[in-house]
Amino acid sequence: MVFKEMPSIAEKLQFPIIVHSCCAAKQMIEMLPSYNINKVLMHWFSHLISALSKAVENGYLITEGPPLVYSKDLREVVRRIPLTNFLTETDGPVIYKKPPFNGKMSMPSFL
């Protein structure tokens, strides 16, 4: 898998990594501890509450964005993230397709 090369390079260079973890959070959380990477940001963490505790235990930062407004599942994830591990993001530019942002380009004010 090509992705495995990226954390390997980050480990060698002592770089942090950002992982777009939507729909792959569980696999990423299982794989990343095999590398010596000090800083990991799980961008757009998916709905897996079961993987969340391991991500927090590993010290990963976790981001969520405006879909928190219309997703009960994401709000439940965020309730369980310690503030020391949580960041917000707009993930823009993106045009949202659900209310209340329907047809609007993402902006920091959405947060």
Protein backbone atom coordinates (compact mmCIF):
# COMPACT_ATOMS: atom_id res chain seq x y z
CA MET A 1 0.00 0.00 0.00
CA VAL A 2 1.38 3.39 -1.03
CA PHE A 3 0.17 5.07 2.17
CA LYS A 4 2.62 3.02 4.26
CA GLU A 5 5.50 4.88 2.63
CA MET A 6 4.28 8.25 3.94
CA PRO A 7 4.50 7.53 7.68
CA SER A 8 7.80 5.76 7.04
CA ILE A 9 9.23 8.93 5.49
CA ALA A 10 7.72 11.08 8.26
CA GLU A 11 9.34 8.82 10.85
CA LYS A 12 12.77 9.12 9.20
CA LEU A 13 12.49 12.91 8.92
CA GLN A 14 10.78 13.31 12.33
CA PHE A 15 7.85 15.09 10.68
CA PRO A 16 4.28 15.21 11.98
CA ILE A 17 1.58 13.71 9.78
CA ILE A 18 -1.99 14.61 8.91
CA VAL A 19 -4.22 11.70 7.99
CA HIS A 20 -7.53 12.23 6.21
CA SER A 21 -9.15 9.54 8.26
CA CYS A 22 -12.75 9.67 7.07
CA CYS A 23 -13.91 6.07 6.58
CA ALA A 24 -10.43 4.71 7.43
CA ALA A 25 -9.89 5.81 11.04
CA LYS A 26 -9.86 2.30 12.46
CA GLN A 27 -7.23 1.07 9.99
CA MET A 28 -5.07 4.16 10.52
CA ILE A 29 -5.22 3.92 14.31
CA GLU A 30 -4.22 0.26 14.14
CA MET A 31 -1.33 0.93 11.73
CA LEU A 32 0.23 4.20 12.94
CA PRO A 33 1.60 2.98 16.32
CA SER A 34 4.02 0.77 14.41
CA TYR A 35 5.84 3.98 13.41
CA ASN A 36 7.73 6.34 15.70
CA ILE A 37 5.80 9.51 14.85
CA ASN A 38 5.42 12.11 17.59
CA LYS A 39 2.57 14.17 16.18
CA VAL A 40 -0.48 12.79 14.38
CA LEU A 41 -3.56 14.73 13.34
CA MET A 42 -6.61 12.69 12.36
CA HIS A 43 -8.32 15.01 9.88
CA TRP A 44 -12.08 14.58 9.59
CA PHE A 45 -12.29 11.70 12.04
CA SER A 46 -15.05 9.25 11.17
CA HIS A 47 -17.82 8.02 13.43
CA LEU A 48 -15.97 5.13 15.06
CA ILE A 49 -16.31 5.65 18.79
CA SER A 50 -14.49 2.35 19.31
CA ALA A 51 -11.35 3.71 17.61
CA LEU A 52 -11.56 7.09 19.34
CA SER A 53 -10.22 5.97 22.72
CA LYS A 54 -7.11 4.47 21.09
CA ALA A 55 -6.52 7.68 19.10
CA VAL A 56 -6.79 9.76 22.28
CA GLU A 57 -4.59 7.29 24.19
CA ASN A 58 -1.95 7.68 21.46
CA GLY A 59 -2.10 11.47 21.82
CA TYR A 60 -3.49 12.09 18.35
CA LEU A 61 -5.20 15.36 17.56
CA ILE A 62 -8.67 14.97 16.09
CA THR A 63 -10.51 17.44 13.89
CA GLU A 64 -14.14 17.92 12.97
CA GLY A 65 -15.87 20.61 10.97
CA PRO A 66 -19.25 22.16 10.16
CA PRO A 67 -21.07 18.81 9.64
CA LEU A 68 -21.24 18.69 13.46
CA VAL A 69 -24.29 20.92 13.07
CA TYR A 70 -26.31 18.25 11.26
CA SER A 71 -24.68 14.97 12.33
CA LYS A 72 -25.66 13.41 15.65
CA ASP A 73 -22.94 10.78 15.17
CA LEU A 74 -20.21 13.40 14.87
CA ARG A 75 -21.52 15.28 17.90
CA GLU A 76 -21.30 12.05 19.90
CA VAL A 77 -17.68 11.61 18.78
CA VAL A 78 -16.83 15.18 19.79
CA ARG A 79 -18.43 14.75 23.23
CA ARG A 80 -15.86 12.04 23.89
CA ILE A 81 -12.77 13.90 22.68
CA PRO A 82 -10.80 15.66 25.41
CA LEU A 83 -10.35 19.34 24.57
CA THR A 84 -6.58 18.80 24.59
CA ASN A 85 -6.99 16.51 21.55
CA PHE A 86 -9.68 18.43 19.65
CA LEU A 87 -9.36 20.95 16.82
CA THR A 88 -12.01 22.49 14.57
CA GLU A 89 -11.70 23.01 10.84
CA THR A 90 -13.69 24.22 7.87
CA ASP A 91 -12.25 21.62 5.47
CA GLY A 92 -12.65 24.23 2.76
CA PRO A 93 -13.14 25.14 0.23
CA VAL A 94 -16.16 22.84 0.15
CA ILE A 95 -19.74 23.50 -0.87
CA TYR A 96 -22.04 21.85 1.63
CA LYS A 97 -25.17 20.08 0.45
CA LYS A 98 -27.11 19.89 3.70
CA PRO A 99 -28.90 22.59 5.70
CA PRO A 100 -28.08 24.95 7.27
CA PHE A 101 -25.13 25.39 4.88
CA ASN A 102 -26.92 24.14 1.75
CA GLY A 103 -25.16 25.50 -1.35
CA LYS A 104 -22.71 27.64 0.64
CA MET A 105 -18.93 27.55 0.46
CA SER A 106 -17.34 26.61 3.80
CA MET A 107 -16.17 29.52 5.93
CA PRO A 108 -14.58 29.81 9.38
CA SER A 109 -17.74 31.49 10.62
CA PHE A 110 -19.57 28.15 10.23
CA LEU A 111 -17.65 26.92 13.26
